C-alpha cells in the first residue's frame, strides 16, 4: 500500500501545482476599437458566446473608443452585468462617453498608462450637448452600473453631469475625466499597466491560455453592407430596379436587381437588430401601393403619395434603432441622417433614370440580359386568345399607361402596354399588335396613314 501511495504522490503533486498556479486558466479576448454601434454590439455578443463555449475563466475586452450610440452601449453593459464569467475591460487608450459606461459594467478595469476614462455626456453628431432628458437617462445608467459593481455612483454620475461637485477630482462646472493614475486612486480602476501581460501578473495568472476572438468574413461583410455609403448605393439599386421594371414590362432583370439590393439592404440591418419586421412590411406596402397607382388606379393620387412615403419611411426607419417609432435611445441626429441618405438616393435614382434610362435599355449590355425575340404569328406563335381580333381597333386609355395600364374598347377594359412609353388618361389609342394577354397600343395621332 505504501508503495502504491508513493508512486501516485508525484502525479498528484504535479496535478495540484498545475491547478493552483493558474496554468489552466483561460482568457477569452476581444478587441473593441471602433465607435459603439450595431457592429460593436454584434462583436461583443458573439465574442461572449465564444467565451462561454470555450469555458473561459475571464472575458477580456481591449477597449479604445470615443463613444457612440447609447442603446448599443447599454446592450453591451447588460451583457457584462449578467455575465457568469469574470469580466475585464482594458482601457487602451480611451473609454469616453459610451465607452465609460461599458468599462464601468466590468468586474475589473485596467488602464493603459496614459489612458483616460469619462466625459460621458450625451452629444449629437456635431458634438453639441443634448437636452436634459438624454442626460438624465445617461446619469441613471452610469449610477446604476457603478452601484452594481461596487464603484462610487457619484463619480460615475460626474462623468455625465458637470454640476456634480467633487472638489477632490475636478472643478465645479467641468465634466469628470480621469487619467489612468487618477482612476486607480479613485478606486475606479484596479491598476495602470503597460500591457496585457501586466494584467495577468496583477491577477496572479501564470501562463494563461489566451483565445483571441476572430472577426469572420460574414461579420466583415455585414459591417460593410450597413455602411451608410453602401446602404445609399443599395437604395439606388432598389429604387432604380423598381423604376426600370415598371417602365419595361416583361423584363425580369430589373426586378431581380431590386430584389437582390433589397435583400442586401434589409438582411444585415435585420441581423444587427436595427430593421424590424414592421419596417420591412412598411416598405413592401409602399411598393404595392405605388404599383397599384401606376397599373390599376387612374391618375396619380393618395395611394401613390402614400406608397412613396411608406417606402421612404420603411428604408429610413430600418437604418436606426427604435421601438415602434420610439427613438429616445437612438443616437441624436442619426434618424435625420438616415432620411437624408434615403431621400438623396431616391432623388439621385430619378435623375440617373431620366438621364440614362433610355440609353440603358437600348445598350448592348442590357439587351444581353433580356429576351429580344418577338413571338409573332409569322414565326408560328399565336395569341393565347386566338378569337380576339382587335388589331387597328380604336379605344380610350382608362388609366395612365407608364407604359402599362388599362384601355377600353367597345365598353370592354383590356390590359395594354403603350409603345409610346406614356399615354395619359382619356387619350385615344389604337391597337398595333396583340401578344398573349397584352395589347400593344399607340396614340391615334401617331398612327401612320
Protein backbone atom coordinates (compact mmCIF):
# COMPACT_ATOMS: atom_id res chain seq x y z
CA UNK A 1 0.00 0.00 0.00
CA UNK A 2 2.83 2.38 0.86
CA UNK A 3 4.49 1.64 -2.46
CA UNK A 4 1.29 2.48 -4.35
CA UNK A 5 0.89 5.74 -2.42
CA UNK A 6 4.48 6.69 -3.11
CA UNK A 7 4.06 6.03 -6.83
CA UNK A 8 0.85 8.13 -7.06
CA UNK A 9 2.09 11.05 -4.98
CA UNK A 10 4.30 12.69 -7.69
CA UNK A 11 1.44 12.68 -10.15
CA UNK A 12 -0.94 14.13 -7.56
CA UNK A 13 1.57 16.84 -6.69
CA UNK A 14 2.05 17.69 -10.37
CA UNK A 15 -1.74 17.99 -10.81
CA UNK A 16 -2.06 20.27 -7.78
CA UNK A 17 0.77 22.51 -9.00
CA UNK A 18 -0.80 22.85 -12.44
CA UNK A 19 -4.21 23.63 -10.98
CA UNK A 20 -3.26 26.22 -8.38
CA UNK A 21 -0.54 28.12 -10.21
CA UNK A 22 -3.09 29.32 -12.81
CA UNK A 23 -1.70 27.23 -15.69
CA UNK A 24 -5.17 26.03 -16.73
CA UNK A 25 -6.88 29.45 -16.62
CA UNK A 26 -8.24 30.63 -19.96
CA UNK A 27 -8.67 34.25 -21.13
CA UNK A 28 -11.07 34.99 -23.98
CA UNK A 29 -10.07 38.31 -25.54
CA UNK A 30 -11.97 40.58 -27.93
CA UNK A 31 -10.96 43.97 -29.30
CA UNK A 32 -13.42 46.86 -29.35
CA UNK A 33 -11.61 49.66 -31.14
CA UNK A 34 -14.38 51.42 -33.07
CA UNK A 35 -17.41 53.59 -32.46
CA UNK A 36 -20.04 51.90 -30.31
CA UNK A 37 -22.84 50.85 -32.64
CA UNK A 38 -24.52 47.75 -34.10
CA UNK A 39 -21.21 46.23 -35.23
CA UNK A 40 -19.72 46.68 -31.75
CA UNK A 41 -22.75 45.06 -30.10
CA UNK A 42 -22.71 42.15 -32.55
CA UNK A 43 -18.98 41.63 -31.97
CA UNK A 44 -19.28 41.58 -28.17
CA UNK A 45 -22.33 39.33 -28.26
CA UNK A 46 -20.63 36.76 -30.50
CA UNK A 47 -17.39 37.01 -28.52
CA UNK A 48 -19.17 36.34 -25.24
CA UNK A 49 -20.87 33.30 -26.78
CA UNK A 50 -17.41 32.12 -27.83
CA UNK A 51 -16.10 32.64 -24.30
CA UNK A 52 -18.92 30.55 -22.84
CA UNK A 53 -18.34 27.82 -25.42
CA UNK A 54 -14.60 27.84 -24.70
CA UNK A 55 -15.30 27.66 -20.92
CA UNK A 56 -13.11 30.70 -20.35
CA UNK A 57 -12.30 31.91 -16.85
CA UNK A 58 -12.07 35.57 -17.92
CA UNK A 59 -13.71 37.63 -20.64
CA UNK A 60 -11.36 40.47 -21.62
CA UNK A 61 -12.37 43.48 -23.73
CA UNK A 62 -9.49 45.50 -25.16
CA UNK A 63 -11.31 48.86 -25.33
CA UNK A 64 -10.38 52.01 -27.21
CA UNK A 65 -13.33 54.18 -28.20
CA UNK A 66 -14.58 57.75 -28.03
CA UNK A 67 -18.18 56.54 -27.60
CA UNK A 68 -21.17 56.03 -29.84
CA UNK A 69 -24.83 55.03 -29.59
CA UNK A 70 -26.14 54.76 -26.03
CA UNK A 71 -28.63 51.99 -26.86
CA UNK A 72 -25.94 49.64 -28.15
CA UNK A 73 -23.61 50.57 -25.28
CA UNK A 74 -26.47 49.69 -22.92
CA UNK A 75 -26.83 46.29 -24.59
CA UNK A 76 -23.11 45.61 -24.05
CA UNK A 77 -23.43 46.89 -20.48
CA UNK A 78 -26.27 44.45 -19.80
CA UNK A 79 -24.23 41.59 -21.28
CA UNK A 80 -21.34 42.33 -18.89
CA UNK A 81 -23.57 42.81 -15.85
CA UNK A 82 -25.27 39.45 -16.47
CA UNK A 83 -22.03 37.62 -17.22
CA UNK A 84 -21.26 34.40 -15.38
CA UNK A 85 -17.63 34.81 -16.38
CA UNK A 86 -15.25 37.26 -14.71
CA UNK A 87 -15.15 40.34 -16.97
CA UNK A 88 -12.18 42.65 -17.53
CA UNK A 89 -12.02 45.86 -19.53
CA UNK A 90 -8.56 47.01 -20.56
CA UNK A 91 -8.84 50.72 -21.44
CA UNK A 92 -6.27 51.05 -24.20
CA UNK A 93 -6.28 54.12 -24.50
CA UNK A 94 -9.72 55.78 -24.38
CA UNK A 95 -13.04 54.97 -22.73
CA UNK A 96 -15.03 58.12 -23.40
CA UNK A 97 -18.80 58.57 -23.26
CA UNK A 98 -20.48 55.22 -24.05
CA UNK A 99 -17.07 53.58 -23.63
CA UNK A 100 -17.01 54.68 -19.97
CA UNK A 101 -20.41 53.02 -19.44
CA UNK A 102 -19.09 49.73 -20.84
CA UNK A 103 -15.96 49.89 -18.69
CA UNK A 104 -17.95 50.53 -15.51
CA UNK A 105 -20.03 47.40 -16.20
CA UNK A 106 -16.98 45.11 -15.95
CA UNK A 107 -15.74 43.36 -12.81
CA UNK A 108 -12.26 44.83 -13.17
CA UNK A 109 -10.94 47.85 -15.06
CA UNK A 110 -7.28 48.11 -16.04
CA UNK A 111 -5.98 51.19 -17.79
CA UNK A 112 -3.04 51.61 -20.10
CA UNK A 113 -0.51 54.16 -18.91
CA UNK A 114 -1.60 57.45 -20.49
CA UNK A 115 -5.21 56.27 -20.96
CA UNK A 116 -8.35 58.16 -19.91
CA UNK A 117 -11.94 57.46 -18.95
CA UNK A 118 -15.00 59.71 -18.57
CA UNK A 119 -16.67 62.63 -20.40
CA UNK A 120 -19.92 60.73 -20.86
CA UNK A 121 -22.43 63.50 -21.63
CA UNK A 122 -24.80 62.69 -24.47
CA UNK A 123 -23.99 64.74 -27.58
CA UNK A 124 -25.27 64.87 -31.15
CA UNK A 125 -23.27 64.28 -34.32
CA UNK A 126 -21.86 67.82 -34.12
CA UNK A 127 -20.64 67.38 -30.54
CA UNK A 128 -23.34 69.62 -29.05
CA UNK A 129 -24.77 68.71 -25.64
CA UNK A 130 -28.24 67.19 -25.93
CA UNK A 131 -31.27 68.21 -23.80
CA UNK A 132 -31.75 67.22 -20.17
CA UNK A 133 -33.89 64.13 -20.89
CA UNK A 134 -30.92 62.47 -22.59
CA UNK A 135 -28.51 63.47 -19.80
CA UNK A 136 -30.91 62.26 -17.11
CA UNK A 137 -31.19 58.83 -18.68
CA UNK A 138 -27.40 58.56 -19.04
CA UNK A 139 -26.82 59.66 -15.43
CA UNK A 140 -29.18 56.94 -14.25
CA UNK A 141 -27.39 54.30 -16.32
CA UNK A 142 -24.00 55.35 -15.01
CA UNK A 143 -25.14 55.39 -11.36
CA UNK A 144 -26.85 52.01 -11.58
CA UNK A 145 -23.85 50.45 -13.33
CA UNK A 146 -21.36 51.77 -10.77
CA UNK A 147 -23.52 50.57 -7.86
CA UNK A 148 -23.84 47.10 -9.40
CA UNK A 149 -20.04 46.74 -9.49
CA UNK A 150 -19.28 48.40 -6.13
CA UNK A 151 -17.91 51.64 -7.54
CA UNK A 152 -18.75 55.16 -6.40
CA UNK A 153 -22.01 56.16 -8.19
CA UNK A 154 -21.30 59.85 -7.64
CA UNK A 155 -18.07 59.58 -9.62
CA UNK A 156 -19.95 57.77 -12.40
CA UNK A 157 -22.60 60.50 -12.44
CA UNK A 158 -19.91 63.20 -12.58
CA UNK A 159 -18.75 61.65 -15.88
CA UNK A 160 -22.09 62.89 -17.28
CA UNK A 161 -23.09 65.92 -15.19
CA UNK A 162 -20.66 68.87 -14.78
CA UNK A 163 -22.76 70.18 -11.87
CA UNK A 164 -21.81 67.25 -9.62
CA UNK A 165 -19.40 68.62 -7.01
CA UNK A 166 -16.25 66.54 -6.49
CA UNK A 167 -13.56 69.04 -5.35
CA UNK A 168 -11.01 66.26 -4.93
CA UNK A 169 -11.15 65.29 -8.58
CA UNK A 170 -12.45 68.24 -10.64
CA UNK A 171 -13.59 71.85 -10.74
CA UNK A 172 -17.30 72.58 -10.40
CA UNK A 173 -18.97 73.02 -13.78
CA UNK A 174 -16.48 70.67 -15.51
CA UNK A 175 -17.11 67.14 -16.70
CA UNK A 176 -15.06 64.50 -14.92
CA UNK A 177 -12.40 62.67 -16.91
CA UNK A 178 -9.78 60.50 -15.18
CA UNK A 179 -6.27 59.70 -16.25
CA UNK A 180 -5.09 56.17 -15.56
CA UNK A 181 -3.45 57.14 -12.27
CA UNK A 182 -6.45 59.20 -11.13
CA UNK A 183 -8.84 56.34 -11.94
CA UNK A 184 -6.75 53.96 -9.83
CA UNK A 185 -6.55 56.43 -6.91
CA UNK A 186 -10.34 56.95 -7.06
CA UNK A 187 -11.00 53.22 -6.96
CA UNK A 188 -12.49 53.12 -10.46
CA UNK A 189 -9.64 51.07 -11.96
CA UNK A 190 -7.56 48.31 -10.41
CA UNK A 191 -4.21 49.37 -11.82
CA UNK A 192 -2.41 51.30 -14.55
CA UNK A 193 -0.50 48.82 -16.70
CA UNK A 194 1.87 48.85 -19.64
CA UNK A 195 0.36 45.85 -21.45
CA UNK A 196 -1.91 42.83 -21.10
CA UNK A 197 0.76 40.70 -19.50
CA UNK A 198 0.84 43.15 -16.60
CA UNK A 199 -2.89 42.49 -16.12
CA UNK A 200 -2.28 38.76 -15.85
CA UNK A 201 0.54 39.37 -13.40
CA UNK A 202 -1.71 41.58 -11.27
CA UNK A 203 -4.36 38.83 -11.26
CA UNK A 204 -1.66 36.25 -10.37
CA UNK A 205 -2.39 34.26 -13.50
CA UNK A 206 0.67 32.41 -14.73
CA UNK A 207 0.92 31.06 -18.25
CA UNK A 208 -2.65 31.93 -19.24
CA UNK A 209 -4.26 30.45 -22.33
CA UNK A 210 -5.40 33.47 -24.36
CA UNK A 211 -8.05 32.86 -27.02
CA UNK A 212 -8.36 35.78 -29.48
CA UNK A 213 -11.83 36.37 -30.90
CA UNK A 214 -11.69 36.33 -34.69
CA UNK A 215 -13.82 38.51 -36.94
CA UNK A 216 -15.30 36.27 -39.66
CA UNK A 217 -15.86 37.11 -43.31
CA UNK A 218 -19.62 37.30 -42.67
CA UNK A 219 -19.03 39.78 -39.84
CA UNK A 220 -16.89 41.93 -42.13
CA UNK A 221 -19.45 41.70 -44.93
CA UNK A 222 -22.29 42.76 -42.64
CA UNK A 223 -20.21 45.67 -41.36
CA UNK A 224 -19.59 46.73 -44.97
CA UNK A 225 -23.24 46.46 -46.03
CA UNK A 226 -24.54 48.66 -43.20
CA UNK A 227 -22.04 51.38 -44.01
CA UNK A 228 -24.12 54.48 -44.90
CA UNK A 229 -22.41 54.84 -48.29
CA UNK A 230 -23.09 51.23 -49.22
CA UNK A 231 -26.66 51.50 -47.89
CA UNK A 232 -27.18 54.50 -50.17
CA UNK A 233 -25.92 52.55 -53.19
CA UNK A 234 -28.22 49.64 -52.36
CA UNK A 235 -31.16 52.05 -52.15
CA UNK A 236 -30.16 53.27 -55.62
CA UNK A 237 -30.38 49.67 -56.82
CA UNK A 238 -33.75 49.09 -55.13
CA UNK A 239 -35.43 52.23 -56.46
CA UNK A 240 -33.72 52.03 -59.84
CA UNK A 241 -34.69 48.37 -60.27
CA UNK A 242 -38.33 49.07 -59.38
CA UNK A 243 -38.39 52.07 -61.75
CA UNK A 244 -36.92 50.06 -64.64
CA UNK A 245 -39.30 47.18 -64.02
CA UNK A 246 -42.30 49.50 -64.13
CA UNK A 247 -41.02 51.12 -67.32
CA UNK A 248 -40.21 47.86 -69.12
CA UNK A 249 -42.95 45.27 -68.53
CA UNK A 250 -41.97 41.68 -69.21
CA UNK A 251 -38.29 42.29 -68.40
CA UNK A 252 -37.33 40.41 -65.22
CA UNK A 253 -33.71 41.51 -64.81
CA UNK A 254 -34.58 44.90 -63.27
CA UNK A 255 -36.82 43.20 -60.73
CA UNK A 256 -34.01 40.78 -59.84
CA UNK A 257 -31.68 43.75 -59.25
CA UNK A 258 -34.26 45.38 -56.97
CA UNK A 259 -34.81 42.15 -55.01
CA UNK A 260 -31.10 41.46 -54.58
CA UNK A 261 -30.38 45.02 -53.47
CA UNK A 262 -33.37 44.86 -51.13
CA UNK A 263 -32.10 41.65 -49.55
CA UNK A 264 -28.58 43.06 -49.16
CA UNK A 265 -30.04 46.24 -47.62
CA UNK A 266 -32.51 44.74 -45.14
CA UNK A 267 -30.86 41.43 -44.16
CA UNK A 268 -27.74 42.89 -42.44
CA UNK A 269 -29.83 45.53 -40.68
CA UNK A 270 -32.23 42.81 -39.50
CA UNK A 271 -29.36 40.67 -38.20
CA UNK A 272 -27.89 43.68 -36.40
CA UNK A 273 -31.17 44.32 -34.62
CA UNK A 274 -31.89 47.56 -36.49
CA UNK A 275 -34.53 46.63 -39.05
CA UNK A 276 -37.71 45.11 -37.63
CA UNK A 277 -40.48 43.15 -39.36
CA UNK A 278 -42.88 46.08 -39.36
CA UNK A 279 -40.32 48.37 -41.05
CA UNK A 280 -39.74 45.85 -43.85
CA UNK A 281 -43.52 45.39 -44.18
CA UNK A 282 -43.94 49.17 -44.37
CA UNK A 283 -41.57 49.31 -47.35
CA UNK A 284 -43.29 46.39 -49.10
CA UNK A 285 -46.71 48.02 -48.62
CA UNK A 286 -45.29 51.20 -50.14
CA UNK A 287 -44.15 49.29 -53.23
CA UNK A 288 -47.57 47.64 -53.58
CA UNK A 289 -49.40 50.98 -53.27
CA UNK A 290 -47.15 52.55 -55.89
CA UNK A 291 -47.70 49.61 -58.26
CA UNK A 292 -51.47 49.85 -57.79
CA UNK A 293 -51.33 53.57 -58.51
CA UNK A 294 -49.44 53.01 -61.73
CA UNK A 295 -51.22 49.94 -63.13
CA UNK A 296 -54.72 49.96 -61.65
CA UNK A 297 -55.89 53.29 -60.27
CA UNK A 298 -56.42 56.13 -62.78
CA UNK A 299 -54.28 59.25 -62.36
CA UNK A 300 -51.85 59.80 -59.53
CA UNK A 301 -53.35 60.44 -56.10
CA UNK A 302 -53.32 59.35 -52.49
CA UNK A 303 -52.18 55.72 -52.99
CA UNK A 304 -49.14 56.82 -54.98
CA UNK A 305 -48.21 59.51 -52.45
CA UNK A 306 -48.65 57.10 -49.54
CA UNK A 307 -46.63 54.49 -51.40
CA UNK A 308 -43.66 56.85 -51.77
CA UNK A 309 -43.92 57.93 -48.10
CA UNK A 310 -44.14 54.32 -46.86
CA UNK A 311 -41.14 53.29 -48.95
CA UNK A 312 -39.11 56.24 -47.70
CA UNK A 313 -40.02 55.65 -44.05
CA UNK A 314 -39.50 51.88 -44.27
CA UNK A 315 -35.97 52.38 -45.57
CA UNK A 316 -35.08 55.21 -43.17
CA UNK A 317 -36.52 53.62 -40.01
CA UNK A 318 -34.68 50.37 -40.80
CA UNK A 319 -31.35 52.17 -40.55
CA UNK A 320 -31.83 53.32 -36.94
CA UNK A 321 -32.75 51.51 -33.76
CA UNK A 322 -36.23 52.29 -32.47
CA UNK A 323 -39.05 50.70 -30.52
CA UNK A 324 -42.08 51.22 -32.78
CA UNK A 325 -41.21 54.84 -33.57
CA UNK A 326 -39.76 55.48 -30.10
CA UNK A 327 -36.33 56.96 -30.90
CA UNK A 328 -35.36 58.17 -27.42
CA UNK A 329 -32.46 55.71 -27.19
CA UNK A 330 -31.23 56.42 -30.71
CA UNK A 331 -28.03 58.37 -31.17
CA UNK A 332 -29.11 62.03 -31.68
CA UNK A 333 -29.10 63.11 -35.33
CA UNK A 334 -28.97 59.54 -36.67
CA UNK A 335 -32.62 59.50 -37.75
CA UNK A 336 -32.20 62.72 -39.74
CA UNK A 337 -29.06 61.32 -41.38
CA UNK A 338 -30.92 58.16 -42.42
CA UNK A 339 -33.70 60.20 -44.03
CA UNK A 340 -31.13 62.33 -45.85
CA UNK A 341 -29.44 59.19 -47.18
CA UNK A 342 -32.74 57.68 -48.38
CA UNK A 343 -34.10 60.90 -49.92
CA UNK A 344 -30.74 61.65 -51.54
CA UNK A 345 -30.57 58.14 -53.02
CA UNK A 346 -34.13 58.41 -54.33
CA UNK A 347 -33.52 61.79 -55.96
CA UNK A 348 -30.25 60.60 -57.48
CA UNK A 349 -32.01 57.48 -58.82
CA UNK A 350 -34.68 59.58 -60.55
CA UNK A 351 -32.04 61.90 -62.04
CA UNK A 352 -29.96 58.98 -63.32
CA UNK A 353 -33.01 57.22 -64.76
CA UNK A 354 -34.13 60.38 -66.56
CA UNK A 355 -30.65 61.00 -67.97
CA UNK A 356 -29.56 57.45 -68.80
CA UNK A 357 -32.67 55.23 -68.54
CA UNK A 358 -33.48 55.10 -72.25
CA UNK A 359 -29.85 54.63 -73.24
CA UNK A 360 -29.52 51.81 -70.71
CA UNK A 361 -32.48 49.92 -72.16
CA UNK A 362 -31.00 50.22 -75.65
CA UNK A 363 -27.45 49.30 -74.62
CA UNK A 364 -25.94 46.05 -75.89
CA UNK A 365 -25.05 45.02 -72.35
CA UNK A 366 -28.68 45.30 -71.20
CA UNK A 367 -30.03 43.55 -74.28
CA UNK A 368 -27.88 40.52 -73.47
CA UNK A 369 -29.87 40.15 -70.25
CA UNK A 370 -33.28 40.47 -71.93
CA UNK A 371 -35.15 38.18 -74.33
CA UNK A 372 -35.32 40.19 -77.55
CA UNK A 373 -37.07 37.80 -79.93
CA UNK A 374 -40.71 38.64 -80.61
CA UNK A 375 -43.24 35.80 -80.66
CA UNK A 376 -45.00 36.73 -83.88
CA UNK A 377 -47.59 34.87 -85.94
CA UNK A 378 -45.14 34.68 -88.86
CA UNK A 379 -42.80 32.51 -86.77
CA UNK A 380 -45.55 30.18 -85.59
CA UNK A 381 -46.76 31.87 -82.41
CA UNK A 382 -50.41 32.61 -81.81
CA UNK A 383 -52.29 34.58 -79.22
CA UNK A 384 -53.49 32.82 -76.06
CA UNK A 385 -56.93 34.19 -77.07
CA UNK A 386 -56.98 33.47 -80.85
CA UNK A 387 -60.58 34.57 -81.36
CA UNK A 388 -59.82 38.09 -80.09
CA UNK A 389 -59.09 40.37 -83.06
CA UNK A 390 -58.54 43.98 -82.02
CA UNK A 391 -55.70 44.94 -84.34
CA UNK A 392 -56.15 48.55 -85.58
CA UNK A 393 -59.20 49.00 -83.37
CA UNK A 394 -59.54 52.36 -81.61
CA UNK A 395 -60.15 52.85 -77.91
CA UNK A 396 -59.59 55.12 -74.90
CA UNK A 397 -56.90 54.99 -72.21
CA UNK A 398 -58.78 54.45 -68.93
CA UNK A 399 -55.64 54.75 -66.76
CA UNK A 400 -52.26 56.32 -67.29
CA UNK A 401 -50.07 53.97 -69.32
CA UNK A 402 -46.47 54.17 -67.99
CA UNK A 403 -46.23 52.13 -70.21
CA UNK A 404 -48.69 49.51 -68.86
CA UNK A 405 -52.26 50.23 -67.85
CA UNK A 406 -55.91 49.80 -68.81
CA UNK A 407 -57.73 50.71 -72.04
CA UNK A 408 -61.37 50.48 -73.12
CA UNK A 409 -62.61 49.28 -76.50
CA UNK A 410 -66.36 48.98 -77.11
CA UNK A 411 -67.08 49.28 -73.36
CA UNK A 412 -64.69 46.44 -72.51
CA UNK A 413 -61.50 47.00 -70.49
CA UNK A 414 -58.21 45.37 -71.51
CA UNK A 415 -54.64 45.29 -70.22
CA UNK A 416 -52.42 47.26 -72.56
CA UNK A 417 -48.86 48.43 -73.00
CA UNK A 418 -48.05 51.77 -74.60
CA UNK A 419 -45.44 51.51 -77.31
CA UNK A 420 -45.01 55.29 -76.97
CA UNK A 421 -43.84 54.87 -73.39
CA UNK A 422 -46.52 57.12 -71.84
CA UNK A 423 -50.18 57.75 -72.61
CA UNK A 424 -52.39 59.86 -70.36
CA UNK A 425 -55.92 59.08 -69.16
CA UNK A 426 -58.57 59.84 -71.80
CA UNK A 427 -56.24 59.85 -74.82
CA UNK A 428 -57.47 57.98 -77.88
CA UNK A 429 -55.41 54.94 -78.84
CA UNK A 430 -55.30 52.24 -81.48
CA UNK A 431 -54.12 48.63 -81.16
CA UNK A 432 -50.97 47.90 -83.14
CA UNK A 433 -50.40 44.29 -82.09
CA UNK A 434 -51.62 41.62 -79.70
CA UNK A 435 -49.37 39.13 -77.92
CA UNK A 436 -50.62 36.75 -75.24
CA UNK A 437 -52.89 38.73 -72.90
CA UNK A 438 -51.38 42.13 -73.71
CA UNK A 439 -52.48 44.62 -76.29
CA UNK A 440 -49.77 46.96 -77.55
CA UNK A 441 -51.12 50.39 -78.39
CA UNK A 442 -50.16 53.82 -79.68
CA UNK A 443 -51.80 57.25 -79.64
CA UNK A 444 -54.14 57.73 -82.61
CA UNK A 445 -52.34 60.95 -83.55
CA UNK A 446 -49.24 58.90 -84.25
CA UNK A 447 -50.99 56.35 -86.45
CA UNK A 448 -49.43 56.31 -89.86
CA UNK A 449 -51.57 56.82 -92.93
